[in-house]
Amino acid sequence: MEITQPTCKIALIQAEPVLFDKAAGVTKVIRLIEEAAQSQAELLVFPELFIPGYPFGMNFGFSVGQRNSIGRAQWKHYYDHSLLIPGEDTAVIGAAAKAANAFVSIGVSERDRSTDTLYNSNIIFAPTGEIAAVHRKLKPTGSERVVWGDANRAYFPVVASPWGNMASLICWESYMPLARAALYQKGLNLYISPNTNDNPEWQATIQHIALEGRCFFLNANMLITKNSYPEAWKNTPEIEALPDMICRGGSCVVDPYGHYLTEPVWEQETIIYAHLDLEQIAMSRMEFDVCGHYARPDVLQLIVNEESNENKKQ
């Protein structure tokens, strides 16, 4: 876990996605990358499913034992606006990351190239513009399971950076203790959390994780308003029932001691900048190193199977 650069300037992108419009979403992402690059940000973090947006409140016509044609057409629209990885859209975003000379982390709905399954995925682009890692959400939460499949590969990819290892867990994956431990075992310095969670108790969760892992926790949330939904969908009962402000944001950075480096920001689009002092990592682990001197591998062990399910079928 070598650190070759002791400081990092990050940019948390708290913005509203262009719901269910991939081309417009990519255009907005490029604009935001260019804006953050003007401030010399070295790591840019976008929220969960920023392209083509999180379909908050929608059920896509599913109920137990039945579906309907309207929901099926909505799902097909969402499918059409999900991304192939790699593909033309990721090439454009990668080029923007290269022009910005920055790492870029972004949540997307991924369309599998060989099947028609969607995955809730997070991509990390390197400053070269290449894809450094793709993480698929292990277990979609609640009704998300009628939209996205369980990860079948890319369980816990870690990206080496000048600031040590970084990786992502998506939203409620962070409530999975063993998933967190799987990352801690790899020597994690930057814990990237793309999410759609503006609940007050989430703030307690992220402070705990930063303190537990003795890492910087990068909490990237978004705004979603009812006005963002396509006009043709606004008169459906599930959308009509939503509040005007659906997701309020709350993006922030937490240091390895569990303290806010930047306070949560609510109900506004903004780019949150912060300077991370990576020297704090080792100092914070003096008395507690979760997979080091405070571990008891003779008593407790975690077995992680990172073999792709696709390989198991062969």
C-alpha atoms as a PDB file:
ATOM      1  CA  MET A   1       0.000   0.000   0.000  1.00  0.00           C
ATOM      2  CA  GLU A   2       2.641   2.474  -1.084  1.00  0.00           C
ATOM      3  CA  ILE A   3       1.745   6.166  -0.979  1.00  0.00           C
ATOM      4  CA  THR A   4       3.743   8.133  -3.525  1.00  0.00           C
ATOM      5  CA  GLN A   5       1.795  11.374  -3.148  1.00  0.00           C
ATOM      6  CA  PRO A   6       0.878  12.481   0.385  1.00  0.00           C
ATOM      7  CA  THR A   7      -2.019  14.760  -0.561  1.00  0.00           C
ATOM      8  CA  CYS A   8      -4.996  14.422  -2.880  1.00  0.00           C
ATOM      9  CA  LYS A   9      -7.497  17.004  -4.059  1.00  0.00           C
ATOM     10  CA  ILE A  10     -10.864  15.382  -4.564  1.00  0.00           C
ATOM     11  CA  ALA A  11     -14.125  16.592  -6.055  1.00  0.00           C
ATOM     12  CA  LEU A  12     -17.442  15.080  -4.989  1.00  0.00           C
ATOM     13  CA  ILE A  13     -19.983  15.748  -7.718  1.00  0.00           C
ATOM     14  CA  GLN A  14     -23.379  16.282  -6.100  1.00  0.00           C
ATOM     15  CA  ALA A  15     -25.677  16.829  -9.052  1.00  0.00           C
ATOM     16  CA  GLU A  16     -29.009  15.808 -10.491  1.00  0.00           C
ATOM     17  CA  PRO A  17     -28.829  13.180 -13.228  1.00  0.00           C
ATOM     18  CA  VAL A  18     -30.637  13.636 -16.526  1.00  0.00           C
ATOM     19  CA  LEU A  19     -33.149  10.911 -15.832  1.00  0.00           C
ATOM     20  CA  PHE A  20     -33.335   8.112 -18.379  1.00  0.00           C
ATOM     21  CA  ASP A  21     -31.449   9.988 -21.133  1.00  0.00           C
ATOM     22  CA  LYS A  22     -28.033   8.448 -21.675  1.00  0.00           C
ATOM     23  CA  ALA A  23     -26.755  10.938 -24.263  1.00  0.00           C
ATOM     24  CA  ALA A  24     -27.757  13.971 -22.191  1.00  0.00           C
ATOM     25  CA  GLY A  25     -26.339  12.283 -19.093  1.00  0.00           C
ATOM     26  CA  VAL A  26     -22.957  11.729 -20.721  1.00  0.00           C
ATOM     27  CA  THR A  27     -22.935  15.357 -21.872  1.00  0.00           C
ATOM     28  CA  LYS A  28     -23.589  16.532 -18.305  1.00  0.00           C
ATOM     29  CA  VAL A  29     -20.848  14.270 -16.949  1.00  0.00           C
ATOM     30  CA  ILE A  30     -18.320  15.698 -19.411  1.00  0.00           C
ATOM     31  CA  ARG A  31     -19.272  19.244 -18.432  1.00  0.00           C
ATOM     32  CA  LEU A  32     -18.851  18.464 -14.731  1.00  0.00           C
ATOM     33  CA  ILE A  33     -15.500  16.754 -15.296  1.00  0.00           C
ATOM     34  CA  GLU A  34     -14.279  19.806 -17.194  1.00  0.00           C
ATOM     35  CA  GLU A  35     -15.504  22.108 -14.412  1.00  0.00           C
ATOM     36  CA  ALA A  36     -13.746  20.101 -11.700  1.00  0.00           C
ATOM     37  CA  ALA A  37     -10.585  19.927 -13.794  1.00  0.00           C
ATOM     38  CA  GLN A  38     -10.371  23.717 -13.756  1.00  0.00           C
ATOM     39  CA  SER A  39      -9.845  23.445  -9.988  1.00  0.00           C
ATOM     40  CA  GLN A  40      -7.101  20.815 -10.482  1.00  0.00           C
ATOM     41  CA  ALA A  41      -9.068  18.035  -8.815  1.00  0.00           C
ATOM     42  CA  GLU A  42      -7.176  14.751  -8.974  1.00  0.00           C
ATOM     43  CA  LEU A  43     -10.021  12.382  -8.076  1.00  0.00           C
ATOM     44  CA  LEU A  44     -13.632  13.032  -9.146  1.00  0.00           C
ATOM     45  CA  VAL A  45     -16.450  11.016  -7.611  1.00  0.00           C
ATOM     46  CA  PHE A  46     -19.979  10.849  -9.053  1.00  0.00           C
ATOM     47  CA  PRO A  47     -22.993   9.249  -7.319  1.00  0.00           C
ATOM     48  CA  GLU A  48     -24.654   5.877  -7.834  1.00  0.00           C
ATOM     49  CA  LEU A  49     -26.367   5.225 -11.193  1.00  0.00           C
ATOM     50  CA  PHE A  50     -25.666   8.760 -12.388  1.00  0.00           C
ATOM     51  CA  ILE A  51     -26.258   7.515 -15.920  1.00  0.00           C
ATOM     52  CA  PRO A  52     -29.116   7.102 -16.697  1.00  0.00           C
ATOM     53  CA  GLY A  53     -30.291   7.989 -13.187  1.00  0.00           C
ATOM     54  CA  TYR A  54     -31.826   6.190 -10.222  1.00  0.00           C
ATOM     55  CA  PRO A  55     -35.504   5.306 -10.956  1.00  0.00           C
ATOM     56  CA  PHE A  56     -36.681   6.232  -7.482  1.00  0.00           C
ATOM     57  CA  GLY A  57     -40.248   5.142  -6.708  1.00  0.00           C
ATOM     58  CA  MET A  58     -40.782   3.184  -9.921  1.00  0.00           C
ATOM     59  CA  ASN A  59     -41.893  -0.456 -10.014  1.00  0.00           C
ATOM     60  CA  PHE A  60     -41.710  -1.083 -13.774  1.00  0.00           C
ATOM     61  CA  GLY A  61     -45.100  -2.796 -13.640  1.00  0.00           C
ATOM     62  CA  PHE A  62     -43.970  -5.522 -11.265  1.00  0.00           C
ATOM     63  CA  SER A  63     -46.183  -7.005  -8.589  1.00  0.00           C
ATOM     64  CA  VAL A  64     -46.094 -10.505  -7.157  1.00  0.00           C
ATOM     65  CA  GLY A  65     -47.036 -12.921  -9.921  1.00  0.00           C
ATOM     66  CA  GLN A  66     -47.653 -10.374 -12.659  1.00  0.00           C
ATOM     67  CA  ARG A  67     -46.239  -7.599 -14.836  1.00  0.00           C
ATOM     68  CA  ASN A  68     -47.845  -5.068 -17.162  1.00  0.00           C
ATOM     69  CA  SER A  69     -47.064  -3.725 -20.625  1.00  0.00           C
ATOM     70  CA  ILE A  70     -46.530  -0.115 -19.517  1.00  0.00           C
ATOM     71  CA  GLY A  71     -43.885  -1.116 -17.002  1.00  0.00           C
ATOM     72  CA  ARG A  72     -42.243  -3.442 -19.508  1.00  0.00           C
ATOM     73  CA  ALA A  73     -41.911  -0.543 -21.980  1.00  0.00           C
ATOM     74  CA  GLN A  74     -40.451   1.673 -19.233  1.00  0.00           C
ATOM     75  CA  TRP A  75     -37.916  -1.017 -18.346  1.00  0.00           C
ATOM     76  CA  LYS A  76     -36.946  -1.375 -22.013  1.00  0.00           C
ATOM     77  CA  HIS A  77     -36.397   2.403 -22.175  1.00  0.00           C
ATOM     78  CA  TYR A  78     -34.160   2.202 -19.110  1.00  0.00           C
ATOM     79  CA  TYR A  79     -32.346  -0.777 -20.647  1.00  0.00           C
ATOM     80  CA  ASP A  80     -31.740   1.143 -23.876  1.00  0.00           C
ATOM     81  CA  HIS A  81     -30.191   4.015 -21.912  1.00  0.00           C
ATOM     82  CA  SER A  82     -27.901   1.785 -19.822  1.00  0.00           C
ATOM     83  CA  LEU A  83     -24.223   1.536 -20.746  1.00  0.00           C
ATOM     84  CA  LEU A  84     -22.106  -1.161 -22.290  1.00  0.00           C
ATOM     85  CA  ILE A  85     -18.725  -1.418 -20.529  1.00  0.00           C
ATOM     86  CA  PRO A  86     -16.544  -0.824 -22.410  1.00  0.00           C
ATOM     87  CA  GLY A  87     -18.431   1.007 -25.110  1.00  0.00           C
ATOM     88  CA  GLU A  88     -18.778   4.277 -26.966  1.00  0.00           C
ATOM     89  CA  ASP A  89     -20.069   6.104 -23.894  1.00  0.00           C
ATOM     90  CA  THR A  90     -17.270   4.933 -21.617  1.00  0.00           C
ATOM     91  CA  ALA A  91     -14.761   5.924 -24.302  1.00  0.00           C
ATOM     92  CA  VAL A  92     -16.105   9.490 -24.218  1.00  0.00           C
ATOM     93  CA  ILE A  93     -15.978   9.647 -20.416  1.00  0.00           C
ATOM     94  CA  GLY A  94     -12.505   8.113 -20.437  1.00  0.00           C
ATOM     95  CA  ALA A  95     -11.311  10.774 -22.859  1.00  0.00           C
ATOM     96  CA  ALA A  96     -12.613  13.456 -20.493  1.00  0.00           C
ATOM     97  CA  ALA A  97     -10.793  11.824 -17.570  1.00  0.00           C
ATOM     98  CA  LYS A  98      -7.604  11.815 -19.628  1.00  0.00           C
ATOM     99  CA  ALA A  99      -8.020  15.478 -20.579  1.00  0.00           C
ATOM    100  CA  ALA A 100      -8.553  16.291 -16.892  1.00  0.00           C
ATOM    101  CA  ASN A 101      -5.567  14.104 -15.902  1.00  0.00           C
ATOM    102  CA  ALA A 102      -7.688  12.724 -13.089  1.00  0.00           C
ATOM    103  CA  PHE A 103      -9.182   9.550 -11.734  1.00  0.00           C
ATOM    104  CA  VAL A 104     -12.951   9.544 -12.280  1.00  0.00           C
ATOM    105  CA  SER A 105     -15.377   7.305 -10.379  1.00  0.00           C
ATOM    106  CA  ILE A 106     -18.946   7.132 -11.662  1.00  0.00           C
ATOM    107  CA  GLY A 107     -21.996   4.995 -11.011  1.00  0.00           C
ATOM    108  CA  VAL A 108     -23.928   3.699 -14.033  1.00  0.00           C
ATOM    109  CA  SER A 109     -26.524   1.165 -15.028  1.00  0.00           C
ATOM    110  CA  GLU A 110     -24.516  -1.410 -16.957  1.00  0.00           C
ATOM    111  CA  ARG A 111     -26.029  -3.481 -19.755  1.00  0.00           C
ATOM    112  CA  ASP A 112     -24.298  -6.817 -20.050  1.00  0.00           C
ATOM    113  CA  ARG A 113     -22.805  -7.385 -23.472  1.00  0.00           C
ATOM    114  CA  SER A 114     -23.663 -11.093 -23.731  1.00  0.00           C
ATOM    115  CA  THR A 115     -26.988 -11.199 -21.866  1.00  0.00           C
ATOM    116  CA  ASP A 116     -29.830  -8.721 -21.373  1.00  0.00           C
ATOM    117  CA  THR A 117     -29.276  -8.370 -17.619  1.00  0.00           C
ATOM    118  CA  LEU A 118     -28.626  -4.956 -16.113  1.00  0.00           C
ATOM    119  CA  TYR A 119     -26.155  -4.350 -13.288  1.00  0.00           C
ATOM    120  CA  ASN A 120     -25.777  -1.469 -10.849  1.00  0.00           C
ATOM    121  CA  SER A 121     -22.091  -0.767 -11.471  1.00  0.00           C
ATOM    122  CA  ASN A 122     -19.366   1.686 -10.582  1.00  0.00           C
ATOM    123  CA  ILE A 123     -16.525   2.489 -12.975  1.00  0.00           C
ATOM    124  CA  ILE A 124     -13.167   3.971 -12.004  1.00  0.00           C
ATOM    125  CA  PHE A 125     -11.275   5.580 -14.875  1.00  0.00           C
ATOM    126  CA  ALA A 126      -7.530   6.172 -14.633  1.00  0.00           C
ATOM    127  CA  PRO A 127      -5.948   9.494 -15.667  1.00  0.00           C
ATOM    128  CA  THR A 128      -4.868   7.701 -18.852  1.00  0.00           C
ATOM    129  CA  GLY A 129      -8.541   7.443 -19.782  1.00  0.00           C
ATOM    130  CA  GLU A 130      -8.529   3.673 -19.421  1.00  0.00           C
ATOM    131  CA  ILE A 131     -10.991   1.785 -17.250  1.00  0.00           C
ATOM    132  CA  ALA A 132      -9.103   0.814 -14.106  1.00  0.00           C
ATOM    133  CA  ALA A 133     -11.956  -1.081 -12.410  1.00  0.00           C
ATOM    134  CA  VAL A 134     -15.621  -1.967 -12.722  1.00  0.00           C
ATOM    135  CA  HIS A 135     -17.505  -3.043  -9.607  1.00  0.00           C
ATOM    136  CA  ARG A 136     -20.962  -4.595  -9.874  1.00  0.00           C
ATOM    137  CA  LYS A 137     -23.243  -4.276  -6.848  1.00  0.00           C
ATOM    138  CA  LEU A 138     -23.254  -7.586  -4.994  1.00  0.00           C
ATOM    139  CA  LYS A 139     -26.906  -7.496  -3.957  1.00  0.00           C
ATOM    140  CA  PRO A 140     -29.402  -4.933  -5.262  1.00  0.00           C
ATOM    141  CA  THR A 141     -31.483  -3.539  -2.408  1.00  0.00           C
ATOM    142  CA  GLY A 142     -35.175  -4.351  -2.047  1.00  0.00           C
ATOM    143  CA  SER A 143     -37.144  -3.707  -5.233  1.00  0.00           C
ATOM    144  CA  GLU A 144     -33.926  -2.888  -7.078  1.00  0.00           C
ATOM    145  CA  ARG A 145     -33.802  -6.648  -7.645  1.00  0.00           C
ATOM    146  CA  VAL A 146     -36.476  -6.421 -10.356  1.00  0.00           C
ATOM    147  CA  VAL A 147     -34.200  -4.049 -12.319  1.00  0.00           C
ATOM    148  CA  TRP A 148     -30.608  -5.193 -11.723  1.00  0.00           C
ATOM    149  CA  GLY A 149     -29.017  -8.592 -11.249  1.00  0.00           C
ATOM    150  CA  ASP A 150     -26.629  -9.757  -8.535  1.00  0.00           C
ATOM    151  CA  ALA A 151     -22.969  -9.212  -9.415  1.00  0.00           C
ATOM    152  CA  ASN A 152     -21.519 -12.207 -11.224  1.00  0.00           C
ATOM    153  CA  ARG A 153     -17.996 -10.811 -11.454  1.00  0.00           C
ATOM    154  CA  ALA A 154     -15.972  -7.770 -10.384  1.00  0.00           C
ATOM    155  CA  TYR A 155     -16.765  -8.297  -6.719  1.00  0.00           C
ATOM    156  CA  PHE A 156     -14.005  -6.333  -4.968  1.00  0.00           C
ATOM    157  CA  PRO A 157     -11.683  -4.655  -7.495  1.00  0.00           C
ATOM    158  CA  VAL A 158      -9.088  -2.336  -6.002  1.00  0.00           C
ATOM    159  CA  VAL A 159      -7.301   0.424  -7.888  1.00  0.00           C
ATOM    160  CA  ALA A 160      -3.727   1.374  -7.042  1.00  0.00           C
ATOM    161  CA  SER A 161      -3.250   5.126  -6.969  1.00  0.00           C
ATOM    162  CA  PRO A 162      -0.621   7.612  -5.805  1.00  0.00           C
ATOM    163  CA  TRP A 163      -2.591   7.768  -2.536  1.00  0.00           C
ATOM    164  CA  GLY A 164      -2.721   4.016  -1.945  1.00  0.00           C
ATOM    165  CA  ASN A 165      -5.512   1.621  -2.779  1.00  0.00           C
ATOM    166  CA  MET A 166      -9.033   2.821  -3.499  1.00  0.00           C
ATOM    167  CA  ALA A 167     -12.244   0.921  -4.174  1.00  0.00           C
ATOM    168  CA  SER A 168     -16.012   1.337  -4.107  1.00  0.00           C
ATOM    169  CA  LEU A 169     -19.002  -0.220  -2.445  1.00  0.00           C
ATOM    170  CA  ILE A 170     -22.363   0.959  -3.739  1.00  0.00           C
ATOM    171  CA  CYS A 171     -24.929   2.352  -1.299  1.00  0.00           C
ATOM    172  CA  TRP A 172     -26.242  -0.391   1.027  1.00  0.00           C
ATOM    173  CA  GLU A 173     -23.319  -2.697   0.232  1.00  0.00           C
ATOM    174  CA  SER A 174     -21.680  -0.673   2.980  1.00  0.00           C
ATOM    175  CA  TYR A 175     -24.101  -2.306   5.443  1.00  0.00           C
ATOM    176  CA  MET A 176     -22.490  -5.690   4.620  1.00  0.00           C
ATOM    177  CA  PRO A 177     -19.742  -6.179   7.255  1.00  0.00           C
ATOM    178  CA  LEU A 178     -18.004  -8.958   5.353  1.00  0.00           C
ATOM    179  CA  ALA A 179     -17.911  -6.900   2.151  1.00  0.00           C
ATOM    180  CA  ARG A 180     -16.221  -4.079   4.055  1.00  0.00           C
ATOM    181  CA  ALA A 181     -13.745  -6.533   5.554  1.00  0.00           C
ATOM    182  CA  ALA A 182     -12.984  -7.921   2.095  1.00  0.00           C
ATOM    183  CA  LEU A 183     -11.836  -4.435   1.073  1.00  0.00           C
ATOM    184  CA  TYR A 184     -10.012  -3.718   4.335  1.00  0.00           C
ATOM    185  CA  GLN A 185      -7.949  -6.884   3.781  1.00  0.00           C
ATOM    186  CA  LYS A 186      -6.626  -5.335   0.581  1.00  0.00           C
ATOM    187  CA  GLY A 187      -5.243  -2.289   2.373  1.00  0.00           C
ATOM    188  CA  LEU A 188      -7.820   0.382   1.573  1.00  0.00           C
ATOM    189  CA  ASN A 189      -7.064   4.104   1.935  1.00  0.00           C
ATOM    190  CA  LEU A 190      -9.896   5.690  -0.073  1.00  0.00           C
ATOM    191  CA  TYR A 191     -13.363   4.199   0.397  1.00  0.00           C
ATOM    192  CA  ILE A 192     -15.602   5.444  -2.435  1.00  0.00           C
ATOM    193  CA  SER A 193     -19.327   5.288  -1.738  1.00  0.00           C
ATOM    194  CA  PRO A 194     -21.627   6.190  -4.643  1.00  0.00           C
ATOM    195  CA  ASN A 195     -25.121   6.088  -3.200  1.00  0.00           C
ATOM    196  CA  THR A 196     -28.718   7.315  -3.155  1.00  0.00           C
ATOM    197  CA  ASN A 197     -29.166   7.522   0.604  1.00  0.00           C
ATOM    198  CA  ASP A 198     -30.142  10.775   2.280  1.00  0.00           C
ATOM    199  CA  ASN A 199     -31.425   9.158   5.479  1.00  0.00           C
ATOM    200  CA  PRO A 200     -29.999  10.770   8.638  1.00  0.00           C
ATOM    201  CA  GLU A 201     -28.799   7.428  10.024  1.00  0.00           C
ATOM    202  CA  TRP A 202     -26.610   6.988   6.923  1.00  0.00           C
ATOM    203  CA  GLN A 203     -24.380   9.743   8.251  1.00  0.00           C
ATOM    204  CA  ALA A 204     -23.731   7.692  11.381  1.00  0.00           C
ATOM    205  CA  THR A 205     -22.919   4.699   9.180  1.00  0.00           C
ATOM    206  CA  ILE A 206     -20.300   6.477   7.110  1.00  0.00           C
ATOM    207  CA  GLN A 207     -18.586   7.972  10.151  1.00  0.00           C
ATOM    208  CA  HIS A 208     -18.410   4.515  11.704  1.00  0.00           C
ATOM    209  CA  ILE A 209     -16.931   2.976   8.534  1.00  0.00           C
ATOM    210  CA  ALA A 210     -14.245   5.660   8.239  1.00  0.00           C
ATOM    211  CA  LEU A 211     -13.309   5.049  11.869  1.00  0.00           C
ATOM    212  CA  GLU A 212     -13.485   1.270  11.515  1.00  0.00           C
ATOM    213  CA  GLY A 213     -11.380   1.116   8.353  1.00  0.00           C
ATOM    214  CA  ARG A 214      -9.166   4.064   9.276  1.00  0.00           C
ATOM    215  CA  CYS A 215      -9.705   5.384   5.764  1.00  0.00           C
ATOM    216  CA  PHE A 216     -11.145   8.423   4.032  1.00  0.00           C
ATOM    217  CA  PHE A 217     -14.817   7.850   3.266  1.00  0.00           C
ATOM    218  CA  LEU A 218     -15.989   9.659   0.110  1.00  0.00           C
ATOM    219  CA  ASN A 219     -19.774   9.908   0.336  1.00  0.00           C
ATOM    220  CA  ALA A 220     -21.201  10.808  -3.090  1.00  0.00           C
ATOM    221  CA  ASN A 221     -24.962  11.329  -3.220  1.00  0.00           C
ATOM    222  CA  MET A 222     -27.209  13.065  -5.740  1.00  0.00           C
ATOM    223  CA  LEU A 223     -30.272  15.230  -6.060  1.00  0.00           C
ATOM    224  CA  ILE A 224     -33.484  13.868  -7.562  1.00  0.00           C
ATOM    225  CA  THR A 225     -36.592  16.003  -8.026  1.00  0.00           C
ATOM    226  CA  LYS A 226     -40.002  15.008  -9.321  1.00  0.00           C
ATOM    227  CA  ASN A 227     -39.612  17.504 -12.167  1.00  0.00           C
ATOM    228  CA  SER A 228     -36.724  15.431 -13.509  1.00  0.00           C
ATOM    229  CA  TYR A 229     -38.962  12.563 -14.598  1.00  0.00           C
ATOM    230  CA  PRO A 230     -39.994  12.361 -18.261  1.00  0.00           C
ATOM    231  CA  GLU A 231     -43.269  14.151 -18.885  1.00  0.00           C
ATOM    232  CA  ALA A 232     -44.908  11.010 -20.196  1.00  0.00           C
ATOM    233  CA  TRP A 233     -44.222   9.190 -16.923  1.00  0.00           C
ATOM    234  CA  LYS A 234     -45.185  11.882 -14.419  1.00  0.00           C
ATOM    235  CA  ASN A 235     -48.867  10.954 -14.369  1.00  0.00           C
ATOM    236  CA  THR A 236     -48.241   7.379 -13.219  1.00  0.00           C
ATOM    237  CA  PRO A 237     -49.439   6.723  -9.647  1.00  0.00           C
ATOM    238  CA  GLU A 238     -46.003   5.850  -8.291  1.00  0.00           C
ATOM    239  CA  ILE A 239     -44.444   9.102  -9.593  1.00  0.00           C
ATOM    240  CA  GLU A 240     -47.395  11.253  -8.552  1.00  0.00           C
ATOM    241  CA  ALA A 241     -47.010   9.961  -4.994  1.00  0.00           C
ATOM    242  CA  LEU A 242     -43.383  11.150  -4.716  1.00  0.00           C
ATOM    243  CA  PRO A 243     -42.411  14.408  -2.943  1.00  0.00           C
ATOM    244  CA  ASP A 244     -41.049  17.286  -5.006  1.00  0.00           C
ATOM    245  CA  MET A 245     -37.560  16.752  -3.504  1.00  0.00           C
ATOM    246  CA  ILE A 246     -36.976  13.023  -3.708  1.00  0.00           C
ATOM    247  CA  CYS A 247     -33.290  12.722  -2.819  1.00  0.00           C
ATOM    248  CA  ARG A 248     -31.634  15.590  -0.932  1.00  0.00           C
ATOM    249  CA  GLY A 249     -27.956  14.775  -1.346  1.00  0.00           C
ATOM    250  CA  GLY A 250     -25.821  14.941   1.786  1.00  0.00           C
ATOM    251  CA  SER A 251     -22.466  14.339   0.101  1.00  0.00           C
ATOM    252  CA  CYS A 252     -19.426  14.761   2.345  1.00  0.00           C
ATOM    253  CA  VAL A 253     -15.940  13.521   3.198  1.00  0.00           C
ATOM    254  CA  VAL A 254     -15.135  11.765   6.470  1.00  0.00           C
ATOM    255  CA  ASP A 255     -11.560  11.454   7.733  1.00  0.00           C
ATOM    256  CA  PRO A 256      -9.942   8.303   9.227  1.00  0.00           C
ATOM    257  CA  TYR A 257     -10.960   9.393  12.741  1.00  0.00           C
ATOM    258  CA  GLY A 258     -14.652   9.504  11.818  1.00  0.00           C
ATOM    259  CA  HIS A 259     -14.788  13.309  11.693  1.00  0.00           C
ATOM    260  CA  TYR A 260     -16.272  15.355   8.877  1.00  0.00           C
ATOM    261  CA  LEU A 261     -13.584  16.827   6.667  1.00  0.00           C
ATOM    262  CA  THR A 262     -16.430  18.475   4.759  1.00  0.00           C
ATOM    263  CA  GLU A 263     -19.908  18.760   6.237  1.00  0.00           C
ATOM    264  CA  PRO A 264     -22.877  17.193   4.394  1.00  0.00           C
ATOM    265  CA  VAL A 265     -24.396  19.454   1.744  1.00  0.00           C
ATOM    266  CA  TRP A 266     -28.161  19.275   1.283  1.00  0.00           C
ATOM    267  CA  GLU A 267     -30.640  20.163  -1.474  1.00  0.00           C
ATOM    268  CA  GLN A 268     -28.271  21.799  -3.936  1.00  0.00           C
ATOM    269  CA  GLU A 269     -26.139  20.881  -6.908  1.00  0.00           C
ATOM    270  CA  THR A 270     -22.515  21.553  -6.126  1.00  0.00           C
ATOM    271  CA  ILE A 271     -18.994  20.246  -6.442  1.00  0.00           C
ATOM    272  CA  ILE A 272     -17.455  19.637  -3.022  1.00  0.00           C
ATOM    273  CA  TYR A 273     -13.684  20.000  -2.961  1.00  0.00           C
ATOM    274  CA  ALA A 274     -11.409  18.664  -0.246  1.00  0.00           C
ATOM    275  CA  HIS A 275      -7.699  18.142   0.304  1.00  0.00           C
ATOM    276  CA  LEU A 276      -6.898  14.738   1.786  1.00  0.00           C
ATOM    277  CA  ASP A 277      -3.781  14.382   3.944  1.00  0.00           C
ATOM    278  CA  LEU A 278      -2.794  10.765   3.421  1.00  0.00           C
ATOM    279  CA  GLU A 279      -0.309  10.951   6.295  1.00  0.00           C
ATOM    280  CA  GLN A 280      -3.380  10.744   8.539  1.00  0.00           C
ATOM    281  CA  ILE A 281      -3.963   7.139   7.455  1.00  0.00           C
ATOM    282  CA  ALA A 282      -0.923   5.614   9.141  1.00  0.00           C
ATOM    283  CA  MET A 283      -1.227   7.879  12.177  1.00  0.00           C
ATOM    284  CA  SER A 284      -4.841   6.832  12.703  1.00  0.00           C
ATOM    285  CA  ARG A 285      -3.838   3.159  12.626  1.00  0.00           C
ATOM    286  CA  MET A 286      -1.338   3.512  15.449  1.00  0.00           C
ATOM    287  CA  GLU A 287      -3.811   2.139  17.995  1.00  0.00           C
ATOM    288  CA  PHE A 288      -6.280   0.390  15.661  1.00  0.00           C
ATOM    289  CA  ASP A 289      -5.417  -1.362  12.387  1.00  0.00           C
ATOM    290  CA  VAL A 290      -8.448  -3.423  11.452  1.00  0.00           C
ATOM    291  CA  CYS A 291      -6.583  -6.065   9.426  1.00  0.00           C
ATOM    292  CA  GLY A 292      -3.185  -5.501  11.026  1.00  0.00           C
ATOM    293  CA  HIS A 293      -2.119  -5.427  14.657  1.00  0.00           C
ATOM    294  CA  TYR A 294      -5.723  -5.264  15.933  1.00  0.00           C
ATOM    295  CA  ALA A 295      -6.728  -8.384  13.989  1.00  0.00           C
ATOM    296  CA  ARG A 296      -6.710 -11.976  15.288  1.00  0.00           C
ATOM    297  CA  PRO A 297      -6.328 -14.162  12.193  1.00  0.00           C
ATOM    298  CA  ASP A 298      -5.652 -17.144  14.466  1.00  0.00           C
ATOM    299  CA  VAL A 299      -9.214 -16.765  15.764  1.00  0.00           C
ATOM    300  CA  LEU A 300     -11.163 -14.989  13.008  1.00  0.00           C
ATOM    301  CA  GLN A 301     -10.702 -15.394   9.257  1.00  0.00           C
ATOM    302  CA  LEU A 302     -12.639 -14.191   6.221  1.00  0.00           C
ATOM    303  CA  ILE A 303     -12.752 -16.353   3.113  1.00  0.00           C
ATOM    304  CA  VAL A 304     -13.546 -14.372  -0.041  1.00  0.00           C
ATOM    305  CA  ASN A 305     -14.382 -16.145  -3.292  1.00  0.00           C
ATOM    306  CA  GLU A 306     -13.520 -13.717  -6.073  1.00  0.00           C
ATOM    307  CA  GLU A 307     -13.819 -16.198  -8.905  1.00  0.00           C
ATOM    308  CA  SER A 308     -16.319 -15.009 -11.496  1.00  0.00           C
ATOM    309  CA  ASN A 309     -19.585 -16.945 -11.616  1.00  0.00           C
ATOM    310  CA  GLU A 310     -19.151 -16.850 -15.385  1.00  0.00           C
ATOM    311  CA  ASN A 311     -15.934 -18.876 -15.011  1.00  0.00           C
ATOM    312  CA  LYS A 312     -17.697 -21.401 -12.797  1.00  0.00           C
ATOM    313  CA  LYS A 313     -20.134 -22.182 -15.632  1.00  0.00           C
ATOM    314  CA  GLN A 314     -17.337 -23.123 -18.010  1.00  0.00           C
END
